[in-house]
Amino acid sequence: MGADGMKRLANAILFQIIWFVCVLAGNIWAVVATAVYLFVHDRYFMNSRREWRLLAVFLGLGLLVDGALFQIGLFSINHASTLAQPSLTANLPPIWLLCLWISVGSLFAHSLAMLRSRYALSALLGAIGPTFSYLAGANLSGITLAEPTLLSALVVALIWSLILPLGIWLSEQWTLFSTSGES
């Protein structure tokens, strides 16, 4: 595995660590871990400062998409859980969930680069991976998905089958993919 491959693997592993910290440790630790992750990402992974635009877009998408899902009742916070930490307002997703959205934005030009120009595959993977991530994260964090859970999962799958190709497309438009090695 070459240097690009190692960086992509490291990007994926660091994201998984962030995922667990955000889901299991709550808002404060999510912010701290995400700040450290973004510092490391900026210094060692970013090929271009334009990638910060993608991270900002994903923060906005998190506010819009998950905010709407909380607003319509597809997601709710189980206040009985010790892990569930309410957001600043009832209309916004928890801060830890927004940290995950920003961190997801850091994957496109790196560990998800193999999806470049593969929109159908990215849609399929978007429908599968994030859906299972939401189901697992909800169980671990005190987020409740509306019943029937299968319908909630299908909504998440549909949304992410659009979001993942969008992230790939934006990465292409903003030339975020590395020009060295395979993309």
N, C-alpha and C. Protein backbone atom coordinates (compact mmCIF):
# COMPACT_ATOMS: atom_id res chain seq x y z
N MET A 1 0.86 -1.18 0.00
CA MET A 1 0.00 0.00 0.00
C MET A 1 0.90 1.24 0.00
N GLY A 2 0.63 2.14 -0.94
CA GLY A 2 1.43 3.36 -1.05
C GLY A 2 1.05 4.40 -0.02
N ALA A 3 1.70 5.55 -0.10
CA ALA A 3 1.46 6.64 0.85
C ALA A 3 0.02 7.14 0.77
N ASP A 4 -0.54 7.27 -0.47
CA ASP A 4 -1.94 7.70 -0.60
C ASP A 4 -2.88 6.70 0.05
N GLY A 5 -2.60 5.41 -0.16
CA GLY A 5 -3.43 4.37 0.43
C GLY A 5 -3.38 4.40 1.95
N MET A 6 -2.21 4.64 2.50
CA MET A 6 -2.07 4.73 3.96
C MET A 6 -2.82 5.93 4.51
N LYS A 7 -2.75 7.06 3.79
CA LYS A 7 -3.47 8.25 4.24
C LYS A 7 -4.98 8.00 4.21
N ARG A 8 -5.45 7.31 3.19
CA ARG A 8 -6.89 7.01 3.10
C ARG A 8 -7.33 6.09 4.22
N LEU A 9 -6.51 5.09 4.50
CA LEU A 9 -6.82 4.18 5.60
C LEU A 9 -6.81 4.92 6.94
N ALA A 10 -5.82 5.76 7.15
CA ALA A 10 -5.74 6.54 8.38
C ALA A 10 -6.94 7.48 8.51
N ASN A 11 -7.37 8.08 7.41
CA ASN A 11 -8.55 8.94 7.41
C ASN A 11 -9.78 8.16 7.86
N ALA A 12 -9.95 6.97 7.32
CA ALA A 12 -11.10 6.14 7.68
C ALA A 12 -11.05 5.71 9.15
N ILE A 13 -9.88 5.32 9.62
CA ILE A 13 -9.74 4.88 11.01
C ILE A 13 -10.00 6.04 11.98
N LEU A 14 -9.41 7.20 11.68
CA LEU A 14 -9.64 8.36 12.55
C LEU A 14 -11.11 8.75 12.58
N PHE A 15 -11.79 8.66 11.44
CA PHE A 15 -13.23 8.95 11.42
C PHE A 15 -13.98 7.97 12.33
N GLN A 16 -13.64 6.70 12.28
CA GLN A 16 -14.33 5.72 13.13
C GLN A 16 -14.13 6.04 14.61
N ILE A 17 -12.94 6.48 14.95
CA ILE A 17 -12.68 6.88 16.34
C ILE A 17 -13.58 8.06 16.71
N ILE A 18 -13.65 9.05 15.82
CA ILE A 18 -14.52 10.21 16.06
C ILE A 18 -15.96 9.77 16.19
N TRP A 19 -16.39 8.84 15.36
CA TRP A 19 -17.77 8.34 15.41
C TRP A 19 -18.07 7.80 16.82
N PHE A 20 -17.19 6.96 17.33
CA PHE A 20 -17.41 6.38 18.65
C PHE A 20 -17.39 7.44 19.75
N VAL A 21 -16.46 8.37 19.68
CA VAL A 21 -16.40 9.43 20.69
C VAL A 21 -17.70 10.25 20.65
N CYS A 22 -18.12 10.64 19.47
CA CYS A 22 -19.33 11.47 19.37
C CYS A 22 -20.55 10.72 19.88
N VAL A 23 -20.72 9.49 19.46
CA VAL A 23 -21.91 8.72 19.81
C VAL A 23 -21.92 8.34 21.29
N LEU A 24 -20.76 7.99 21.83
CA LEU A 24 -20.72 7.46 23.20
C LEU A 24 -20.44 8.51 24.28
N ALA A 25 -19.74 9.58 23.92
CA ALA A 25 -19.28 10.50 24.96
C ALA A 25 -20.08 11.80 25.05
N GLY A 26 -20.89 12.11 24.08
CA GLY A 26 -21.73 13.30 24.16
C GLY A 26 -21.08 14.57 23.63
N ASN A 27 -21.78 15.66 23.84
CA ASN A 27 -21.46 16.94 23.20
C ASN A 27 -20.06 17.49 23.49
N ILE A 28 -19.68 17.57 24.74
CA ILE A 28 -18.41 18.20 25.08
C ILE A 28 -17.24 17.43 24.49
N TRP A 29 -17.22 16.12 24.70
CA TRP A 29 -16.12 15.32 24.16
C TRP A 29 -16.16 15.28 22.64
N ALA A 30 -17.36 15.33 22.07
CA ALA A 30 -17.47 15.36 20.61
C ALA A 30 -16.82 16.61 20.04
N VAL A 31 -17.06 17.75 20.67
CA VAL A 31 -16.46 19.00 20.20
C VAL A 31 -14.94 18.95 20.34
N VAL A 32 -14.45 18.48 21.48
CA VAL A 32 -13.01 18.40 21.70
C VAL A 32 -12.37 17.44 20.69
N ALA A 33 -12.94 16.25 20.56
CA ALA A 33 -12.36 15.26 19.64
C ALA A 33 -12.44 15.74 18.19
N THR A 34 -13.54 16.36 17.82
CA THR A 34 -13.69 16.86 16.45
C THR A 34 -12.71 17.99 16.17
N ALA A 35 -12.50 18.87 17.14
CA ALA A 35 -11.52 19.96 16.95
C ALA A 35 -10.12 19.39 16.74
N VAL A 36 -9.75 18.40 17.54
CA VAL A 36 -8.43 17.77 17.38
C VAL A 36 -8.36 17.08 16.03
N TYR A 37 -9.41 16.35 15.68
CA TYR A 37 -9.46 15.65 14.39
C TYR A 37 -9.33 16.64 13.23
N LEU A 38 -10.04 17.76 13.29
CA LEU A 38 -9.97 18.74 12.20
C LEU A 38 -8.60 19.38 12.11
N PHE A 39 -7.96 19.60 13.25
CA PHE A 39 -6.59 20.12 13.24
C PHE A 39 -5.66 19.13 12.54
N VAL A 40 -5.74 17.86 12.93
CA VAL A 40 -4.91 16.81 12.30
C VAL A 40 -5.26 16.69 10.82
N HIS A 41 -6.55 16.73 10.51
CA HIS A 41 -7.00 16.62 9.13
C HIS A 41 -6.45 17.77 8.29
N ASP A 42 -6.50 18.97 8.83
CA ASP A 42 -5.99 20.15 8.11
C ASP A 42 -4.49 20.02 7.85
N ARG A 43 -3.76 19.57 8.83
CA ARG A 43 -2.30 19.52 8.73
C ARG A 43 -1.78 18.36 7.88
N TYR A 44 -2.45 17.20 7.96
CA TYR A 44 -1.87 16.00 7.36
C TYR A 44 -2.67 15.39 6.21
N PHE A 45 -3.92 15.77 6.05
CA PHE A 45 -4.73 15.13 5.02
C PHE A 45 -5.15 16.07 3.89
N MET A 46 -5.50 17.28 4.19
CA MET A 46 -6.05 18.18 3.18
C MET A 46 -5.07 18.44 2.06
N ASN A 47 -5.58 18.31 0.83
CA ASN A 47 -4.80 18.63 -0.37
C ASN A 47 -5.00 20.09 -0.74
N SER A 48 -6.09 20.68 -0.26
CA SER A 48 -6.45 22.05 -0.63
C SER A 48 -7.29 22.66 0.48
N ARG A 49 -7.11 23.93 0.70
CA ARG A 49 -7.94 24.66 1.67
C ARG A 49 -9.41 24.70 1.24
N ARG A 50 -9.66 24.43 -0.05
CA ARG A 50 -11.06 24.39 -0.53
C ARG A 50 -11.87 23.32 0.18
N GLU A 51 -11.18 22.36 0.77
CA GLU A 51 -11.90 21.30 1.47
C GLU A 51 -12.70 21.85 2.66
N TRP A 52 -12.26 22.96 3.22
CA TRP A 52 -13.02 23.57 4.33
C TRP A 52 -14.43 23.94 3.87
N ARG A 53 -14.59 24.29 2.58
CA ARG A 53 -15.93 24.57 2.05
C ARG A 53 -16.83 23.35 2.18
N LEU A 54 -16.26 22.18 1.85
CA LEU A 54 -17.03 20.94 1.93
C LEU A 54 -17.44 20.65 3.37
N LEU A 55 -16.52 20.89 4.31
CA LEU A 55 -16.86 20.68 5.72
C LEU A 55 -17.97 21.62 6.16
N ALA A 56 -17.93 22.86 5.69
CA ALA A 56 -18.99 23.83 6.01
C ALA A 56 -20.32 23.41 5.39
N VAL A 57 -20.27 22.91 4.17
CA VAL A 57 -21.50 22.43 3.52
C VAL A 57 -22.09 21.29 4.32
N PHE A 58 -21.24 20.38 4.80
CA PHE A 58 -21.76 19.25 5.56
C PHE A 58 -22.29 19.66 6.93
N LEU A 59 -21.73 20.67 7.53
CA LEU A 59 -22.32 21.20 8.76
C LEU A 59 -23.71 21.76 8.45
N GLY A 60 -23.82 22.51 7.36
CA GLY A 60 -25.12 23.04 6.95
C GLY A 60 -26.12 21.94 6.64
N LEU A 61 -25.66 20.90 5.95
CA LEU A 61 -26.54 19.77 5.66
C LEU A 61 -27.01 19.09 6.95
N GLY A 62 -26.10 18.96 7.91
CA GLY A 62 -26.47 18.36 9.19
C GLY A 62 -27.56 19.15 9.89
N LEU A 63 -27.37 20.47 9.89
CA LEU A 63 -28.40 21.33 10.51
C LEU A 63 -29.72 21.19 9.77
N LEU A 64 -29.67 21.20 8.45
CA LEU A 64 -30.89 21.14 7.64
C LEU A 64 -31.54 19.77 7.69
N VAL A 65 -30.78 18.73 7.37
CA VAL A 65 -31.35 17.38 7.24
C VAL A 65 -31.74 16.81 8.59
N ASP A 66 -30.78 16.70 9.50
CA ASP A 66 -31.13 16.12 10.80
C ASP A 66 -32.04 17.05 11.59
N GLY A 67 -31.86 18.36 11.41
CA GLY A 67 -32.79 19.30 12.04
C GLY A 67 -34.21 19.05 11.60
N ALA A 68 -34.41 18.82 10.30
CA ALA A 68 -35.75 18.53 9.78
C ALA A 68 -36.26 17.18 10.31
N LEU A 69 -35.38 16.20 10.40
CA LEU A 69 -35.79 14.88 10.89
C LEU A 69 -36.19 14.93 12.37
N PHE A 70 -35.50 15.76 13.15
CA PHE A 70 -35.91 15.96 14.54
C PHE A 70 -37.23 16.75 14.59
N GLN A 71 -37.33 17.76 13.75
CA GLN A 71 -38.53 18.62 13.74
C GLN A 71 -39.79 17.82 13.40
N ILE A 72 -39.71 16.93 12.42
CA ILE A 72 -40.91 16.16 12.02
C ILE A 72 -41.13 14.93 12.90
N GLY A 73 -40.21 14.68 13.83
CA GLY A 73 -40.39 13.58 14.77
C GLY A 73 -39.84 12.24 14.32
N LEU A 74 -39.10 12.21 13.21
CA LEU A 74 -38.50 10.95 12.79
C LEU A 74 -37.40 10.54 13.77
N PHE A 75 -36.70 11.54 14.33
CA PHE A 75 -35.72 11.31 15.39
C PHE A 75 -36.20 12.07 16.61
N SER A 76 -35.92 11.52 17.78
CA SER A 76 -36.17 12.25 19.03
C SER A 76 -35.12 11.81 20.04
N ILE A 77 -34.92 12.66 21.02
CA ILE A 77 -33.94 12.37 22.05
C ILE A 77 -34.64 11.70 23.22
N ASN A 78 -34.11 10.55 23.62
CA ASN A 78 -34.63 9.82 24.76
C ASN A 78 -33.98 10.42 26.00
N HIS A 79 -34.69 11.30 26.66
CA HIS A 79 -34.12 12.01 27.81
C HIS A 79 -33.85 11.11 29.00
N ALA A 80 -34.41 9.90 29.00
CA ALA A 80 -34.16 8.97 30.09
C ALA A 80 -32.75 8.37 29.99
N SER A 81 -32.18 8.43 28.78
CA SER A 81 -30.84 7.89 28.59
C SER A 81 -29.81 8.83 29.20
N THR A 82 -28.80 8.25 29.82
CA THR A 82 -27.74 9.08 30.39
C THR A 82 -26.82 9.61 29.29
N LEU A 83 -26.82 8.96 28.13
CA LEU A 83 -25.98 9.42 27.02
C LEU A 83 -26.64 10.52 26.21
N ALA A 84 -27.96 10.52 26.18
CA ALA A 84 -28.66 11.52 25.38
C ALA A 84 -28.44 12.90 25.99
N GLN A 85 -27.97 13.80 25.16
CA GLN A 85 -27.75 15.17 25.61
C GLN A 85 -28.52 16.07 24.67
N PRO A 86 -29.43 16.85 25.18
CA PRO A 86 -30.23 17.68 24.30
C PRO A 86 -29.39 18.72 23.58
N SER A 87 -29.90 19.13 22.44
CA SER A 87 -29.23 20.20 21.70
C SER A 87 -29.55 21.53 22.38
N LEU A 88 -28.99 22.59 21.84
CA LEU A 88 -29.25 23.91 22.41
C LEU A 88 -30.72 24.27 22.34
N THR A 89 -31.38 23.86 21.28
CA THR A 89 -32.82 24.04 21.17
C THR A 89 -33.41 22.73 20.70
N ALA A 90 -34.69 22.58 20.89
CA ALA A 90 -35.36 21.34 20.51
C ALA A 90 -35.38 21.15 18.99
N ASN A 91 -35.18 22.21 18.22
CA ASN A 91 -35.25 22.12 16.77
C ASN A 91 -33.93 21.72 16.12
N LEU A 92 -32.85 21.76 16.87
CA LEU A 92 -31.54 21.44 16.31
C LEU A 92 -31.10 20.05 16.75
N PRO A 93 -30.34 19.38 15.89
CA PRO A 93 -29.77 18.10 16.32
C PRO A 93 -28.75 18.34 17.44
N PRO A 94 -28.44 17.30 18.21
CA PRO A 94 -27.41 17.46 19.24
C PRO A 94 -26.08 17.86 18.61
N ILE A 95 -25.28 18.55 19.36
CA ILE A 95 -23.98 19.02 18.88
C ILE A 95 -23.11 17.85 18.42
N TRP A 96 -23.14 16.74 19.15
CA TRP A 96 -22.31 15.59 18.78
C TRP A 96 -22.68 15.08 17.39
N LEU A 97 -23.96 15.17 17.03
CA LEU A 97 -24.40 14.71 15.72
C LEU A 97 -23.90 15.66 14.62
N LEU A 98 -23.87 16.95 14.92
CA LEU A 98 -23.33 17.92 13.96
C LEU A 98 -21.82 17.73 13.80
N CYS A 99 -21.14 17.35 14.88
CA CYS A 99 -19.71 17.04 14.78
C CYS A 99 -19.49 15.86 13.81
N LEU A 100 -20.39 14.90 13.85
CA LEU A 100 -20.28 13.77 12.93
C LEU A 100 -20.47 14.22 11.48
N TRP A 101 -21.41 15.12 11.24
CA TRP A 101 -21.63 15.63 9.89
C TRP A 101 -20.36 16.31 9.35
N ILE A 102 -19.75 17.15 10.15
CA ILE A 102 -18.51 17.81 9.73
C ILE A 102 -17.44 16.75 9.43
N SER A 103 -17.34 15.76 10.29
CA SER A 103 -16.33 14.72 10.12
C SER A 103 -16.60 13.88 8.87
N VAL A 104 -17.85 13.64 8.55
CA VAL A 104 -18.19 12.92 7.32
C VAL A 104 -17.68 13.70 6.11
N GLY A 105 -17.79 15.02 6.16
CA GLY A 105 -17.30 15.85 5.06
C GLY A 105 -15.80 15.67 4.81
N SER A 106 -15.08 15.23 5.83
CA SER A 106 -13.63 15.05 5.69
C SER A 106 -13.26 13.75 4.98
N LEU A 107 -14.23 12.91 4.68
CA LEU A 107 -13.94 11.61 4.08
C LEU A 107 -13.88 11.63 2.55
N PHE A 108 -14.59 12.55 1.92
CA PHE A 108 -14.80 12.49 0.48
C PHE A 108 -13.53 12.54 -0.34
N ALA A 109 -12.64 13.46 -0.05
CA ALA A 109 -11.42 13.61 -0.85
C ALA A 109 -10.34 12.62 -0.45
N HIS A 110 -10.66 11.74 0.49
CA HIS A 110 -9.64 10.85 1.04
C HIS A 110 -10.13 9.41 1.02
N SER A 111 -10.71 8.93 2.10
CA SER A 111 -11.08 7.51 2.16
C SER A 111 -12.25 7.16 1.24
N LEU A 112 -13.02 8.14 0.79
CA LEU A 112 -14.09 7.86 -0.17
C LEU A 112 -13.71 8.24 -1.60
N ALA A 113 -12.44 8.53 -1.83
CA ALA A 113 -11.99 8.96 -3.16
C ALA A 113 -12.23 7.89 -4.22
N MET A 114 -12.31 6.61 -3.83
CA MET A 114 -12.55 5.55 -4.80
C MET A 114 -13.94 5.67 -5.43
N LEU A 115 -14.80 6.50 -4.86
CA LEU A 115 -16.14 6.72 -5.42
C LEU A 115 -16.17 7.83 -6.45
N ARG A 116 -15.04 8.44 -6.71
CA ARG A 116 -14.96 9.54 -7.67
C ARG A 116 -15.59 9.11 -9.00
N SER A 117 -16.56 9.90 -9.46
CA SER A 117 -17.28 9.68 -10.72
C SER A 117 -18.10 8.40 -10.72
N ARG A 118 -18.31 7.81 -9.58
CA ARG A 118 -19.11 6.59 -9.46
C ARG A 118 -20.37 6.92 -8.65
N TYR A 119 -21.25 7.65 -9.28
CA TYR A 119 -22.42 8.16 -8.57
C TYR A 119 -23.42 7.08 -8.20
N ALA A 120 -23.62 6.10 -9.07
CA ALA A 120 -24.56 5.03 -8.74
C ALA A 120 -24.03 4.22 -7.55
N LEU A 121 -22.75 3.91 -7.57
CA LEU A 121 -22.15 3.17 -6.45
C LEU A 121 -22.19 4.00 -5.17
N SER A 122 -21.91 5.30 -5.28
CA SER A 122 -21.95 6.14 -4.08
C SER A 122 -23.38 6.24 -3.54
N ALA A 123 -24.37 6.25 -4.43
CA ALA A 123 -25.77 6.27 -3.97
C ALA A 123 -26.11 4.97 -3.24
N LEU A 124 -25.68 3.85 -3.80
CA LEU A 124 -25.93 2.55 -3.17
C LEU A 124 -25.25 2.47 -1.80
N LEU A 125 -23.98 2.85 -1.76
CA LEU A 125 -23.26 2.82 -0.48
C LEU A 125 -23.84 3.84 0.51
N GLY A 126 -24.31 4.97 0.00
CA GLY A 126 -24.95 5.97 0.85
C GLY A 126 -26.22 5.44 1.48
N ALA A 127 -26.95 4.62 0.73
CA ALA A 127 -28.18 4.04 1.26
C ALA A 127 -27.90 2.98 2.33
N ILE A 128 -26.74 2.35 2.25
CA ILE A 128 -26.45 1.24 3.17
C ILE A 128 -25.65 1.70 4.39
N GLY A 129 -24.45 2.23 4.17
CA GLY A 129 -23.54 2.54 5.28
C GLY A 129 -24.09 3.52 6.30
N PRO A 130 -24.47 4.72 5.87
CA PRO A 130 -24.99 5.69 6.84
C PRO A 130 -26.26 5.21 7.54
N THR A 131 -27.08 4.43 6.86
CA THR A 131 -28.31 3.93 7.49
C THR A 131 -27.98 3.04 8.67
N PHE A 132 -27.04 2.12 8.48
CA PHE A 132 -26.62 1.27 9.60
C PHE A 132 -25.91 2.08 10.67
N SER A 133 -25.18 3.11 10.26
CA SER A 133 -24.53 4.00 11.22
C SER A 133 -25.57 4.71 12.08
N TYR A 134 -26.64 5.21 11.47
CA TYR A 134 -27.71 5.87 12.22
C TYR A 134 -28.38 4.89 13.18
N LEU A 135 -28.67 3.68 12.71
CA LEU A 135 -29.33 2.69 13.57
C LEU A 135 -28.44 2.34 14.77
N ALA A 136 -27.16 2.10 14.52
CA ALA A 136 -26.24 1.77 15.61
C ALA A 136 -26.06 2.97 16.54
N GLY A 137 -25.87 4.14 15.96
CA GLY A 137 -25.68 5.35 16.75
C GLY A 137 -26.88 5.68 17.61
N ALA A 138 -28.08 5.49 17.06
CA ALA A 138 -29.29 5.75 17.83
C ALA A 138 -29.37 4.83 19.03
N ASN A 139 -29.07 3.56 18.83
CA ASN A 139 -29.10 2.60 19.94
C ASN A 139 -28.10 2.92 21.03
N LEU A 140 -26.93 3.44 20.63
CA LEU A 140 -25.87 3.72 21.60
C LEU A 140 -26.00 5.07 22.29
N SER A 141 -26.69 6.01 21.65
CA SER A 141 -26.67 7.39 22.14
C SER A 141 -27.95 7.89 22.80
N GLY A 142 -29.00 7.13 22.72
CA GLY A 142 -30.25 7.60 23.30
C GLY A 142 -31.13 8.38 22.34
N ILE A 143 -30.88 8.23 21.05
CA ILE A 143 -31.75 8.81 20.04
C ILE A 143 -32.79 7.76 19.69
N THR A 144 -34.04 8.16 19.60
CA THR A 144 -35.11 7.25 19.25
C THR A 144 -35.55 7.53 17.83
N LEU A 145 -35.66 6.48 17.02
CA LEU A 145 -36.19 6.62 15.68
C LEU A 145 -37.69 6.32 15.72
N ALA A 146 -38.43 7.05 14.92
CA ALA A 146 -39.88 6.87 14.88
C ALA A 146 -40.22 5.45 14.44
N GLU A 147 -41.33 4.97 14.96
CA GLU A 147 -41.84 3.65 14.58
C GLU A 147 -42.71 3.78 13.34
N PRO A 148 -42.72 2.85 12.45
CA PRO A 148 -41.87 1.68 12.45
C PRO A 148 -40.43 2.06 12.09
N THR A 149 -39.50 1.44 12.76
CA THR A 149 -38.09 1.75 12.57
C THR A 149 -37.65 1.51 11.13
N LEU A 150 -38.23 0.52 10.48
CA LEU A 150 -37.89 0.24 9.09
C LEU A 150 -38.20 1.44 8.21
N LEU A 151 -39.32 2.10 8.45
CA LEU A 151 -39.67 3.30 7.66
C LEU A 151 -38.66 4.41 7.93
N SER A 152 -38.28 4.61 9.19
CA SER A 152 -37.26 5.61 9.52
C SER A 152 -35.95 5.29 8.81
N ALA A 153 -35.57 4.02 8.81
CA ALA A 153 -34.34 3.60 8.15
C ALA A 153 -34.42 3.83 6.64
N LEU A 154 -35.58 3.60 6.06
CA LEU A 154 -35.74 3.84 4.62
C LEU A 154 -35.63 5.32 4.27
N VAL A 155 -36.14 6.18 5.14
CA VAL A 155 -36.01 7.63 4.92
C VAL A 155 -34.54 8.03 4.98
N VAL A 156 -33.82 7.53 5.98
CA VAL A 156 -32.38 7.81 6.11
C VAL A 156 -31.65 7.29 4.88
N ALA A 157 -31.99 6.09 4.43
CA ALA A 157 -31.33 5.50 3.26
C ALA A 157 -31.56 6.36 2.02
N LEU A 158 -32.77 6.82 1.83
CA LEU A 158 -33.08 7.67 0.68
C LEU A 158 -32.28 8.97 0.74
N ILE A 159 -32.26 9.60 1.90
CA ILE A 159 -31.54 10.87 2.06
C ILE A 159 -30.06 10.69 1.76
N TRP A 160 -29.46 9.65 2.35
CA TRP A 160 -28.02 9.45 2.18
C TRP A 160 -27.66 8.91 0.81
N SER A 161 -28.63 8.32 0.10
CA SER A 161 -28.35 7.92 -1.29
C SER A 161 -28.22 9.15 -2.18
N LEU A 162 -28.66 10.29 -1.69
CA LEU A 162 -28.48 11.57 -2.39
C LEU A 162 -27.27 12.34 -1.86
N ILE A 163 -27.06 12.27 -0.55
CA ILE A 163 -26.00 13.06 0.08
C ILE A 163 -24.61 12.55 -0.30
N LEU A 164 -24.41 11.25 -0.31
CA LEU A 164 -23.08 10.73 -0.64
C LEU A 164 -22.67 11.12 -2.07
N PRO A 165 -23.53 10.93 -3.08
CA PRO A 165 -23.15 11.42 -4.42
C PRO A 165 -22.93 12.94 -4.46
N LEU A 166 -23.69 13.68 -3.68
CA LEU A 166 -23.49 15.13 -3.61
C LEU A 166 -22.09 15.46 -3.10
N GLY A 167 -21.65 14.77 -2.07
CA GLY A 167 -20.30 15.00 -1.53
C GLY A 167 -19.22 14.67 -2.56
N ILE A 168 -19.42 13.59 -3.30
CA ILE A 168 -18.48 13.23 -4.36
C ILE A 168 -18.49 14.29 -5.44
N TRP A 169 -19.66 14.72 -5.85
CA TRP A 169 -19.78 15.73 -6.90
C TRP A 169 -19.11 17.04 -6.48
N LEU A 170 -19.39 17.50 -5.26
CA LEU A 170 -18.76 18.73 -4.78
C LEU A 170 -17.24 18.59 -4.73
N SER A 171 -16.76 17.42 -4.31
CA SER A 171 -15.32 17.19 -4.27
C SER A 171 -14.72 17.27 -5.67
N GLU A 172 -15.44 16.77 -6.65
CA GLU A 172 -14.97 16.87 -8.04
C GLU A 172 -15.02 18.32 -8.52
N GLN A 173 -16.10 19.01 -8.24
CA GLN A 173 -16.26 20.38 -8.70
C GLN A 173 -15.21 21.30 -8.11
N TRP A 174 -14.85 21.06 -6.87
CA TRP A 174 -13.87 21.90 -6.18
C TRP A 174 -12.46 21.32 -6.26
N THR A 175 -12.28 20.33 -7.13
CA THR A 175 -10.99 19.64 -7.34
C THR A 175 -10.27 19.32 -6.02
N LEU A 176 -10.96 18.58 -5.19
CA LEU A 176 -10.42 18.21 -3.88
C LEU A 176 -9.65 16.90 -3.90
N PHE A 177 -9.84 16.11 -4.94
CA PHE A 177 -9.16 14.83 -5.00
C PHE A 177 -7.69 15.02 -5.30
N SER A 178 -6.87 14.19 -4.71
CA SER A 178 -5.43 14.24 -4.93
C SER A 178 -5.14 13.93 -6.40
N THR A 179 -4.17 14.61 -6.96
CA THR A 179 -3.78 14.33 -8.34
C THR A 179 -2.70 13.28 -8.39
N SER A 180 -2.10 12.95 -7.25
CA SER A 180 -1.08 11.90 -7.23
C SER A 180 -1.74 10.57 -6.92
N GLY A 181 -1.25 9.53 -7.48
CA GLY A 181 -1.77 8.19 -7.21
C GLY A 181 -3.15 8.02 -7.79
N GLU A 182 -3.82 6.95 -7.37
CA GLU A 182 -5.15 6.66 -7.86
C GLU A 182 -6.17 7.48 -7.10
N SER A 183 -7.27 7.78 -7.75
CA SER A 183 -8.37 8.48 -7.08
C SER A 183 -9.54 7.66 -7.17
